[in-house]
Amino acid sequence: MMNMSQIDYDVLAKKIQEIADWRYLPSDVIGRKVGVTARSLQRYMFQMRERGMLPAPSKMKPETYKNYLKLKNYMATHPGKLNLTEMVESIIGCYTSGSNMDSYRNAITQAKAECLPLDFDRIEDVKRARIKPAGGAKWRSDGKIRFIDWAQVDPIHLHAFVALIKHTGGRHAA
């Protein structure tokens, strides 16, 4: 660890700038790599920015930058136009919710603002049709629960339903 009396700002600025993507890393990670505590590093970096030795801090948070890297890596392996929803679902590995999509949209917006390399023209942000009714609409149209007659049920599905009820309810079922 360096003492404040021994600090050489030129050397420290070079060490920091040698770290890949240092503008998007938290100070504790940078501090471990250069051998300075996170609290001291924040103070040193502030002083180096005032002196013009380091550029201004990035407004992109580390989590947003990680999402940007995931998008960039996915786009590198998949050519052509890409639907953002399908891309995020394959990155995450499951059906995405609104907050997940918003975090990736935010990563794209901030990457544009930071002038990071990403082929933005290849990304199509087509909104998915809602699965649930919007705005407090009810699943019931007339205020009653909708049923169908047993005669309308396909025999294969009826058999599967009865088997499921027997399986879950034991001897008291169906």
C-alpha atoms as a PDB file:
ATOM      1  CA  MET A   1       0.000   0.000   0.000  1.00  0.00           C
ATOM      2  CA  MET A   2       1.173   3.522  -0.778  1.00  0.00           C
ATOM      3  CA  ASN A   3       1.367   6.337   1.755  1.00  0.00           C
ATOM      4  CA  MET A   4      -0.023   9.726   0.834  1.00  0.00           C
ATOM      5  CA  SER A   5       3.412  11.296   1.411  1.00  0.00           C
ATOM      6  CA  GLN A   6       4.964   8.873  -1.110  1.00  0.00           C
ATOM      7  CA  ILE A   7       2.293   9.102  -3.816  1.00  0.00           C
ATOM      8  CA  ASP A   8       3.517   9.737  -7.327  1.00  0.00           C
ATOM      9  CA  TYR A   9       0.427  10.782  -9.259  1.00  0.00           C
ATOM     10  CA  ASP A  10       2.025  10.219 -12.677  1.00  0.00           C
ATOM     11  CA  VAL A  11       2.895   6.608 -11.874  1.00  0.00           C
ATOM     12  CA  LEU A  12      -0.508   5.957 -10.299  1.00  0.00           C
ATOM     13  CA  ALA A  13      -2.331   7.499 -13.280  1.00  0.00           C
ATOM     14  CA  LYS A  14      -0.364   5.230 -15.659  1.00  0.00           C
ATOM     15  CA  LYS A  15      -1.133   2.150 -13.534  1.00  0.00           C
ATOM     16  CA  ILE A  16      -4.832   3.006 -13.513  1.00  0.00           C
ATOM     17  CA  GLN A  17      -4.955   3.640 -17.260  1.00  0.00           C
ATOM     18  CA  GLU A  18      -3.250   0.290 -17.952  1.00  0.00           C
ATOM     19  CA  ILE A  19      -6.265  -1.515 -16.461  1.00  0.00           C
ATOM     20  CA  ALA A  20      -8.733  -2.524 -19.175  1.00  0.00           C
ATOM     21  CA  ASP A  21     -12.102  -0.719 -18.902  1.00  0.00           C
ATOM     22  CA  TRP A  22     -10.986   1.101 -15.744  1.00  0.00           C
ATOM     23  CA  ARG A  23     -13.537   3.905 -16.223  1.00  0.00           C
ATOM     24  CA  TYR A  24     -16.361   1.399 -15.670  1.00  0.00           C
ATOM     25  CA  LEU A  25     -14.903  -0.502 -12.704  1.00  0.00           C
ATOM     26  CA  PRO A  26     -15.683   0.262  -9.054  1.00  0.00           C
ATOM     27  CA  SER A  27     -12.866   1.863  -7.077  1.00  0.00           C
ATOM     28  CA  ASP A  28     -12.317  -1.186  -4.843  1.00  0.00           C
ATOM     29  CA  VAL A  29     -11.521  -3.344  -7.893  1.00  0.00           C
ATOM     30  CA  ILE A  30      -9.131  -0.734  -9.305  1.00  0.00           C
ATOM     31  CA  GLY A  31      -7.595  -0.272  -5.856  1.00  0.00           C
ATOM     32  CA  ARG A  32      -6.821  -3.989  -5.526  1.00  0.00           C
ATOM     33  CA  LYS A  33      -5.125  -3.977  -8.919  1.00  0.00           C
ATOM     34  CA  VAL A  34      -2.916  -0.946  -8.193  1.00  0.00           C
ATOM     35  CA  GLY A  35      -2.333  -1.651  -4.480  1.00  0.00           C
ATOM     36  CA  VAL A  36      -4.257   1.260  -2.950  1.00  0.00           C
ATOM     37  CA  THR A  37      -7.286   1.167  -0.670  1.00  0.00           C
ATOM     38  CA  ALA A  38     -10.564   2.119  -2.325  1.00  0.00           C
ATOM     39  CA  ARG A  39     -11.095   5.154  -0.125  1.00  0.00           C
ATOM     40  CA  SER A  40      -7.612   6.529  -0.798  1.00  0.00           C
ATOM     41  CA  LEU A  41      -7.927   5.741  -4.490  1.00  0.00           C
ATOM     42  CA  GLN A  42     -11.129   7.764  -4.753  1.00  0.00           C
ATOM     43  CA  ARG A  43      -9.351  10.744  -3.208  1.00  0.00           C
ATOM     44  CA  TYR A  44      -6.285  10.299  -5.443  1.00  0.00           C
ATOM     45  CA  MET A  45      -8.421   9.937  -8.573  1.00  0.00           C
ATOM     46  CA  PHE A  46     -10.326  13.105  -7.691  1.00  0.00           C
ATOM     47  CA  GLN A  47      -7.023  14.977  -7.344  1.00  0.00           C
ATOM     48  CA  MET A  48      -5.686  13.514 -10.612  1.00  0.00           C
ATOM     49  CA  ARG A  49      -8.862  14.579 -12.435  1.00  0.00           C
ATOM     50  CA  GLU A  50      -8.476  18.102 -11.098  1.00  0.00           C
ATOM     51  CA  ARG A  51      -4.908  18.141 -12.430  1.00  0.00           C
ATOM     52  CA  GLY A  52      -6.038  16.801 -15.815  1.00  0.00           C
ATOM     53  CA  MET A  53      -4.184  13.488 -15.477  1.00  0.00           C
ATOM     54  CA  LEU A  54      -7.359  11.381 -15.771  1.00  0.00           C
ATOM     55  CA  PRO A  55     -10.530  11.959 -17.803  1.00  0.00           C
ATOM     56  CA  ALA A  56     -13.875  12.612 -16.146  1.00  0.00           C
ATOM     57  CA  PRO A  57     -15.574   9.588 -14.596  1.00  0.00           C
ATOM     58  CA  SER A  58     -17.993   7.590 -16.686  1.00  0.00           C
ATOM     59  CA  LYS A  59     -21.686   7.988 -15.939  1.00  0.00           C
ATOM     60  CA  MET A  60     -22.197   4.318 -16.808  1.00  0.00           C
ATOM     61  CA  LYS A  61     -22.442   2.098 -13.740  1.00  0.00           C
ATOM     62  CA  PRO A  62     -20.533  -1.220 -13.576  1.00  0.00           C
ATOM     63  CA  GLU A  63     -23.764  -3.278 -13.823  1.00  0.00           C
ATOM     64  CA  THR A  64     -24.818  -1.366 -16.919  1.00  0.00           C
ATOM     65  CA  TYR A  65     -21.372  -1.883 -18.442  1.00  0.00           C
ATOM     66  CA  LYS A  66     -21.635  -5.644 -17.790  1.00  0.00           C
ATOM     67  CA  ASN A  67     -24.965  -5.687 -19.651  1.00  0.00           C
ATOM     68  CA  TYR A  68     -23.321  -3.765 -22.509  1.00  0.00           C
ATOM     69  CA  LEU A  69     -20.522  -6.364 -22.681  1.00  0.00           C
ATOM     70  CA  LYS A  70     -23.080  -9.199 -22.752  1.00  0.00           C
ATOM     71  CA  LEU A  71     -24.887  -7.524 -25.653  1.00  0.00           C
ATOM     72  CA  LYS A  72     -21.608  -6.900 -27.475  1.00  0.00           C
ATOM     73  CA  ASN A  73     -20.463 -10.524 -27.082  1.00  0.00           C
ATOM     74  CA  TYR A  74     -23.850 -11.852 -28.219  1.00  0.00           C
ATOM     75  CA  MET A  75     -23.817  -9.602 -31.282  1.00  0.00           C
ATOM     76  CA  ALA A  76     -20.294 -10.745 -32.155  1.00  0.00           C
ATOM     77  CA  THR A  77     -21.477 -14.350 -32.464  1.00  0.00           C
ATOM     78  CA  HIS A  78     -24.855 -13.732 -34.129  1.00  0.00           C
ATOM     79  CA  PRO A  79     -24.874 -11.995 -37.531  1.00  0.00           C
ATOM     80  CA  GLY A  80     -27.720  -9.990 -39.041  1.00  0.00           C
ATOM     81  CA  LYS A  81     -30.576  -8.038 -37.481  1.00  0.00           C
ATOM     82  CA  LEU A  82     -31.334  -8.985 -33.891  1.00  0.00           C
ATOM     83  CA  ASN A  83     -34.525  -8.551 -31.900  1.00  0.00           C
ATOM     84  CA  LEU A  84     -33.650  -7.068 -28.506  1.00  0.00           C
ATOM     85  CA  THR A  85     -36.226  -9.162 -26.637  1.00  0.00           C
ATOM     86  CA  GLU A  86     -34.988 -12.441 -28.115  1.00  0.00           C
ATOM     87  CA  MET A  87     -31.382 -11.391 -27.585  1.00  0.00           C
ATOM     88  CA  VAL A  88     -31.932 -10.579 -23.897  1.00  0.00           C
ATOM     89  CA  GLU A  89     -33.903 -13.786 -23.348  1.00  0.00           C
ATOM     90  CA  SER A  90     -31.088 -15.880 -24.769  1.00  0.00           C
ATOM     91  CA  ILE A  91     -28.507 -13.960 -22.687  1.00  0.00           C
ATOM     92  CA  ILE A  92     -30.501 -14.339 -19.473  1.00  0.00           C
ATOM     93  CA  GLY A  93     -31.767 -17.799 -20.340  1.00  0.00           C
ATOM     94  CA  CYS A  94     -35.433 -17.261 -19.505  1.00  0.00           C
ATOM     95  CA  TYR A  95     -38.496 -15.193 -20.332  1.00  0.00           C
ATOM     96  CA  THR A  96     -37.713 -11.559 -19.548  1.00  0.00           C
ATOM     97  CA  SER A  97     -39.684  -9.109 -17.479  1.00  0.00           C
ATOM     98  CA  GLY A  98     -39.971  -5.378 -17.988  1.00  0.00           C
ATOM     99  CA  SER A  99     -37.171  -4.516 -15.567  1.00  0.00           C
ATOM    100  CA  ASN A 100     -34.689  -6.820 -17.315  1.00  0.00           C
ATOM    101  CA  MET A 101     -35.549  -5.314 -20.680  1.00  0.00           C
ATOM    102  CA  ASP A 102     -35.252  -1.804 -19.264  1.00  0.00           C
ATOM    103  CA  SER A 103     -31.781  -2.529 -17.887  1.00  0.00           C
ATOM    104  CA  TYR A 104     -30.584  -3.682 -21.329  1.00  0.00           C
ATOM    105  CA  ARG A 105     -32.275  -0.744 -23.077  1.00  0.00           C
ATOM    106  CA  ASN A 106     -30.528   1.517 -20.571  1.00  0.00           C
ATOM    107  CA  ALA A 107     -27.199  -0.168 -21.386  1.00  0.00           C
ATOM    108  CA  ILE A 108     -27.733   0.545 -25.099  1.00  0.00           C
ATOM    109  CA  THR A 109     -28.673   4.177 -24.424  1.00  0.00           C
ATOM    110  CA  GLN A 110     -25.665   4.760 -22.193  1.00  0.00           C
ATOM    111  CA  ALA A 111     -23.333   2.990 -24.633  1.00  0.00           C
ATOM    112  CA  LYS A 112     -24.477   5.440 -27.321  1.00  0.00           C
ATOM    113  CA  ALA A 113     -23.866   8.359 -24.947  1.00  0.00           C
ATOM    114  CA  GLU A 114     -20.383   7.044 -24.068  1.00  0.00           C
ATOM    115  CA  CYS A 115     -19.609   6.383 -27.777  1.00  0.00           C
ATOM    116  CA  LEU A 116     -18.800   2.739 -27.052  1.00  0.00           C
ATOM    117  CA  PRO A 117     -18.445   0.452 -30.069  1.00  0.00           C
ATOM    118  CA  LEU A 118     -21.673  -1.417 -30.771  1.00  0.00           C
ATOM    119  CA  ASP A 119     -23.564  -1.851 -34.028  1.00  0.00           C
ATOM    120  CA  PHE A 120     -26.777  -0.143 -32.921  1.00  0.00           C
ATOM    121  CA  ASP A 121     -28.353  -0.439 -36.396  1.00  0.00           C
ATOM    122  CA  ARG A 122     -28.543  -4.230 -36.042  1.00  0.00           C
ATOM    123  CA  ILE A 123     -30.725  -4.065 -32.919  1.00  0.00           C
ATOM    124  CA  GLU A 124     -34.504  -4.054 -33.403  1.00  0.00           C
ATOM    125  CA  ASP A 125     -36.449  -3.117 -30.300  1.00  0.00           C
ATOM    126  CA  VAL A 126     -39.848  -4.552 -31.146  1.00  0.00           C
ATOM    127  CA  LYS A 127     -42.144  -4.591 -28.138  1.00  0.00           C
ATOM    128  CA  ARG A 128     -43.725  -7.926 -27.325  1.00  0.00           C
ATOM    129  CA  ALA A 129     -47.498  -8.206 -27.172  1.00  0.00           C
ATOM    130  CA  ARG A 130     -48.693  -8.157 -23.586  1.00  0.00           C
ATOM    131  CA  ILE A 131     -49.689 -11.460 -22.092  1.00  0.00           C
ATOM    132  CA  LYS A 132     -51.857  -9.983 -19.332  1.00  0.00           C
ATOM    133  CA  PRO A 133     -54.604  -7.478 -20.039  1.00  0.00           C
ATOM    134  CA  ALA A 134     -53.378  -3.923 -19.575  1.00  0.00           C
ATOM    135  CA  GLY A 135     -54.699  -1.234 -17.283  1.00  0.00           C
ATOM    136  CA  GLY A 136     -56.688  -3.221 -14.742  1.00  0.00           C
ATOM    137  CA  ALA A 137     -58.735  -5.115 -17.320  1.00  0.00           C
ATOM    138  CA  LYS A 138     -60.154  -8.354 -15.984  1.00  0.00           C
ATOM    139  CA  TRP A 139     -59.735 -11.819 -17.388  1.00  0.00           C
ATOM    140  CA  ARG A 140     -63.467 -12.240 -17.028  1.00  0.00           C
ATOM    141  CA  SER A 141     -65.408 -10.352 -19.672  1.00  0.00           C
ATOM    142  CA  ASP A 142     -68.909 -10.553 -18.169  1.00  0.00           C
ATOM    143  CA  GLY A 143     -67.997 -10.747 -14.494  1.00  0.00           C
ATOM    144  CA  LYS A 144     -68.371 -14.534 -14.430  1.00  0.00           C
ATOM    145  CA  ILE A 145     -65.727 -17.207 -14.584  1.00  0.00           C
ATOM    146  CA  ARG A 146     -65.662 -18.792 -18.027  1.00  0.00           C
ATOM    147  CA  PHE A 147     -66.179 -22.546 -18.280  1.00  0.00           C
ATOM    148  CA  ILE A 148     -66.549 -24.995 -21.122  1.00  0.00           C
ATOM    149  CA  ASP A 149     -68.683 -28.121 -21.208  1.00  0.00           C
ATOM    150  CA  TRP A 150     -67.020 -31.498 -20.709  1.00  0.00           C
ATOM    151  CA  ALA A 151     -68.272 -32.423 -24.173  1.00  0.00           C
ATOM    152  CA  GLN A 152     -66.000 -29.748 -25.667  1.00  0.00           C
ATOM    153  CA  VAL A 153     -62.871 -31.190 -24.029  1.00  0.00           C
ATOM    154  CA  ASP A 154     -60.625 -33.321 -26.222  1.00  0.00           C
ATOM    155  CA  PRO A 155     -60.620 -36.949 -24.901  1.00  0.00           C
ATOM    156  CA  ILE A 156     -56.809 -37.038 -24.684  1.00  0.00           C
ATOM    157  CA  HIS A 157     -56.732 -33.889 -22.560  1.00  0.00           C
ATOM    158  CA  LEU A 158     -59.628 -35.126 -20.433  1.00  0.00           C
ATOM    159  CA  HIS A 159     -57.740 -38.357 -19.736  1.00  0.00           C
ATOM    160  CA  ALA A 160     -54.577 -36.389 -18.833  1.00  0.00           C
ATOM    161  CA  PHE A 161     -56.586 -34.120 -16.512  1.00  0.00           C
ATOM    162  CA  VAL A 162     -58.205 -37.067 -14.710  1.00  0.00           C
ATOM    163  CA  ALA A 163     -54.809 -38.759 -14.364  1.00  0.00           C
ATOM    164  CA  LEU A 164     -53.347 -35.579 -12.864  1.00  0.00           C
ATOM    165  CA  ILE A 165     -56.204 -35.263 -10.376  1.00  0.00           C
ATOM    166  CA  LYS A 166     -55.826 -38.921  -9.366  1.00  0.00           C
ATOM    167  CA  HIS A 167     -52.081 -38.440  -8.975  1.00  0.00           C
ATOM    168  CA  THR A 168     -52.363 -35.359  -6.774  1.00  0.00           C
ATOM    169  CA  GLY A 169     -55.520 -36.267  -4.859  1.00  0.00           C
ATOM    170  CA  GLY A 170     -55.039 -39.949  -4.205  1.00  0.00           C
ATOM    171  CA  ARG A 171     -58.057 -42.202  -3.739  1.00  0.00           C
ATOM    172  CA  HIS A 172     -60.423 -39.293  -3.022  1.00  0.00           C
ATOM    173  CA  ALA A 173     -59.966 -37.729  -6.443  1.00  0.00           C
ATOM    174  CA  ALA A 174     -62.015 -38.154  -9.612  1.00  0.00           C
END
